[in-house]
C-alpha atoms as a PDB file:
ATOM      1  CA  MET A   1     118.995 135.482 104.842  1.00  0.00           C
ATOM      2  CA  GLY A   2     117.130 136.919 102.486  1.00  0.00           C
ATOM      3  CA  ARG A   3     118.013 140.125 100.731  1.00  0.00           C
ATOM      4  CA  ILE A   4     116.622 143.595 101.716  1.00  0.00           C
ATOM      5  CA  LEU A   5     114.706 145.282  99.162  1.00  0.00           C
ATOM      6  CA  ASN A   6     114.787 148.825  98.761  1.00  0.00           C
ATOM      7  CA  PHE A   7     112.153 149.348  95.764  1.00  0.00           C
ATOM      8  CA  MET A   8     108.581 148.468  95.048  1.00  0.00           C
ATOM      9  CA  LYS A   9     107.676 147.945  91.443  1.00  0.00           C
ATOM     10  CA  GLN A  10     104.098 148.287  89.906  1.00  0.00           C
ATOM     11  CA  ILE A  11     103.359 146.407  86.890  1.00  0.00           C
ATOM     12  CA  GLU A  12     100.355 145.163  84.829  1.00  0.00           C
ATOM     13  CA  ILE A  13      99.201 141.780  85.464  1.00  0.00           C
ATOM     14  CA  GLU A  14      96.443 139.347  83.783  1.00  0.00           C
ATOM     15  CA  ILE A  15      94.027 137.949  86.324  1.00  0.00           C
ATOM     16  CA  LEU A  16      92.910 134.940  84.456  1.00  0.00           C
ATOM     17  CA  SER A  17      90.881 133.365  87.659  1.00  0.00           C
ATOM     18  CA  ASP A  18      90.214 135.419  90.333  1.00  0.00           C
ATOM     19  CA  THR A  19      88.930 132.713  92.582  1.00  0.00           C
ATOM     20  CA  ILE A  20      89.509 133.464  96.334  1.00  0.00           C
ATOM     21  CA  ASN A  21      92.821 132.024  97.921  1.00  0.00           C
ATOM     22  CA  CYS A  22      93.939 130.509  94.576  1.00  0.00           C
ATOM     23  CA  PRO A  23      93.653 133.467  91.577  1.00  0.00           C
ATOM     24  CA  VAL A  24      95.427 132.354  88.553  1.00  0.00           C
ATOM     25  CA  VAL A  25      97.564 135.196  87.293  1.00  0.00           C
ATOM     26  CA  SER A  26      99.776 136.109  84.088  1.00  0.00           C
ATOM     27  CA  VAL A  27     102.921 138.325  84.735  1.00  0.00           C
ATOM     28  CA  PRO A  28     104.813 139.961  82.078  1.00  0.00           C
ATOM     29  CA  GLY A  29     108.194 137.925  81.093  1.00  0.00           C
ATOM     30  CA  ARG A  30     106.830 134.664  82.216  1.00  0.00           C
ATOM     31  CA  LYS A  31     105.393 132.120  79.578  1.00  0.00           C
ATOM     32  CA  TYR A  32     103.060 130.714  81.841  1.00  0.00           C
ATOM     33  CA  PRO A  33     100.709 131.885  84.526  1.00  0.00           C
ATOM     34  CA  GLY A  34     101.116 131.451  88.309  1.00  0.00           C
ATOM     35  CA  VAL A  35      98.740 131.060  91.264  1.00  0.00           C
ATOM     36  CA  VAL A  36      98.970 133.555  94.043  1.00  0.00           C
ATOM     37  CA  ILE A  37      99.083 132.000  97.305  1.00  0.00           C
ATOM     38  CA  GLN A  38      98.228 134.071 100.389  1.00  0.00           C
ATOM     39  CA  GLY A  39     100.796 134.458 103.181  1.00  0.00           C
ATOM     40  CA  ASP A  40      98.897 132.709 105.593  1.00  0.00           C
ATOM     41  CA  SER A  41      97.953 129.674 103.202  1.00  0.00           C
ATOM     42  CA  LEU A  42     101.941 129.495 102.327  1.00  0.00           C
ATOM     43  CA  ALA A  43     102.751 129.143 106.135  1.00  0.00           C
ATOM     44  CA  ILE A  44     100.090 126.427 106.519  1.00  0.00           C
ATOM     45  CA  LEU A  45     101.507 124.435 103.665  1.00  0.00           C
ATOM     46  CA  TYR A  46     104.967 124.582 104.979  1.00  0.00           C
ATOM     47  CA  GLY A  47     103.275 123.711 108.498  1.00  0.00           C
ATOM     48  CA  LEU A  48     102.007 120.768 107.281  1.00  0.00           C
ATOM     49  CA  ALA A  49     105.278 119.644 105.338  1.00  0.00           C
ATOM     50  CA  VAL A  50     107.006 119.914 108.983  1.00  0.00           C
ATOM     51  CA  GLU A  51     104.056 117.872 110.364  1.00  0.00           C
ATOM     52  CA  ILE A  52     104.650 115.190 107.600  1.00  0.00           C
ATOM     53  CA  GLU A  53     108.181 115.037 108.400  1.00  0.00           C
ATOM     54  CA  MET A  54     107.585 114.345 111.849  1.00  0.00           C
ATOM     55  CA  GLN A  55     104.985 112.161 111.203  1.00  0.00           C
ATOM     56  CA  THR A  56     106.899 109.751 108.975  1.00  0.00           C
ATOM     57  CA  ALA A  57     110.328 109.945 110.953  1.00  0.00           C
ATOM     58  CA  SER A  58     109.929 106.786 112.266  1.00  0.00           C
ATOM     59  CA  ILE A  59     109.511 105.144 108.915  1.00  0.00           C
ATOM     60  CA  HIS A  60     113.074 105.309 107.862  1.00  0.00           C
ATOM     61  CA  ASP A  61     112.551 105.466 104.199  1.00  0.00           C
ATOM     62  CA  GLU A  62     115.156 107.411 102.603  1.00  0.00           C
ATOM     63  CA  GLU A  63     113.469 108.380  99.461  1.00  0.00           C
ATOM     64  CA  ILE A  64     110.454 109.682 101.627  1.00  0.00           C
ATOM     65  CA  ALA A  65     112.604 111.465 103.678  1.00  0.00           C
ATOM     66  CA  ALA A  66     114.538 112.998 100.772  1.00  0.00           C
ATOM     67  CA  THR A  67     111.092 114.040  99.057  1.00  0.00           C
ATOM     68  CA  ILE A  68     109.750 115.683 102.169  1.00  0.00           C
ATOM     69  CA  ASP A  69     113.024 117.419 102.940  1.00  0.00           C
ATOM     70  CA  HIS A  70     112.834 118.617  99.362  1.00  0.00           C
ATOM     71  CA  LEU A  71     109.404 119.976  99.653  1.00  0.00           C
ATOM     72  CA  LYS A  72     110.017 121.431 103.117  1.00  0.00           C
ATOM     73  CA  ARG A  73     113.126 123.309 101.650  1.00  0.00           C
ATOM     74  CA  LYS A  74     110.963 124.824  98.717  1.00  0.00           C
ATOM     75  CA  LEU A  75     108.383 126.127 101.099  1.00  0.00           C
ATOM     76  CA  SER A  76     110.718 127.555 103.190  1.00  0.00           C
ATOM     77  CA  ALA A  77     112.436 129.447 100.861  1.00  0.00           C
ATOM     78  CA  TYR A  78     109.103 130.957 100.078  1.00  0.00           C
ATOM     79  CA  VAL A  79     108.088 131.690 103.657  1.00  0.00           C
ATOM     80  CA  GLU A  80     111.681 133.304 104.062  1.00  0.00           C
ATOM     81  CA  GLU A  81     110.943 135.562 101.051  1.00  0.00           C
ATOM     82  CA  TYR A  82     107.653 136.287 101.867  1.00  0.00           C
ATOM     83  CA  GLU A  83     108.375 137.257 105.441  1.00  0.00           C
ATOM     84  CA  THR A  84     111.511 139.080 104.312  1.00  0.00           C
ATOM     85  CA  THR A  85     109.574 141.314 101.802  1.00  0.00           C
ATOM     86  CA  MET A  86     106.867 141.855 104.343  1.00  0.00           C
ATOM     87  CA  LYS A  87     109.416 143.419 106.863  1.00  0.00           C
ATOM     88  CA  ALA A  88     111.120 145.293 104.116  1.00  0.00           C
ATOM     89  CA  HIS A  89     107.775 147.109 103.534  1.00  0.00           C
ATOM     90  CA  GLY A  90     107.059 147.500 107.272  1.00  0.00           C
ATOM     91  CA  ARG A  91     103.731 145.007 106.727  1.00  0.00           C
ATOM     92  CA  ASP A  92     102.672 142.576 109.549  1.00  0.00           C
ATOM     93  CA  LEU A  93     102.549 139.072 108.769  1.00  0.00           C
ATOM     94  CA  PRO A  94      99.239 137.565 108.654  1.00  0.00           C
ATOM     95  CA  TYR A  95     100.319 134.691 111.096  1.00  0.00           C
ATOM     96  CA  SER A  96     102.316 134.415 114.167  1.00  0.00           C
ATOM     97  CA  LYS A  97     105.721 132.903 113.776  1.00  0.00           C
ATOM     98  CA  PRO A  98     106.353 129.639 115.882  1.00  0.00           C
ATOM     99  CA  GLN A  99     108.670 130.811 118.880  1.00  0.00           C
ATOM    100  CA  SER A 100     110.697 127.829 118.612  1.00  0.00           C
ATOM    101  CA  GLY A 101     112.693 129.353 115.212  1.00  0.00           C
ATOM    102  CA  ASN A 102     111.920 125.494 113.737  1.00  0.00           C
ATOM    103  CA  GLN A 103     111.326 127.945 110.538  1.00  0.00           C
END
C-alpha cells in the first residue's frame, strides 16, 4: 500500500500550457516538463486499460497481454498514489471507486 503523507510542500512551477484537462508544467529538479492529469481522467485511463485487458483475453497473445498488463500496472500505481494522497489530505475523490476491489 502507499505511504502516509504527513506534509504538504509548496513549490513554484512554470505553466507552459494551461489547456483544460491537459496542462503542461515544469517543476524544479526535472529536466523535462510533465502533463498534469486530473484524478478522474486518470481513473478513466485505468478503467480503459482494464477494459482492453478483458476484451483481448480471448486472443491469447502473450505479447499483447504483457503490454496491457504493464500499462495497467503503471496506471494502477498512479491511481493508488493519487488515492492515498487524497485520503492523507482529507480530500474526496472526484470519482466513485468500484465496489469489487478490482483496482
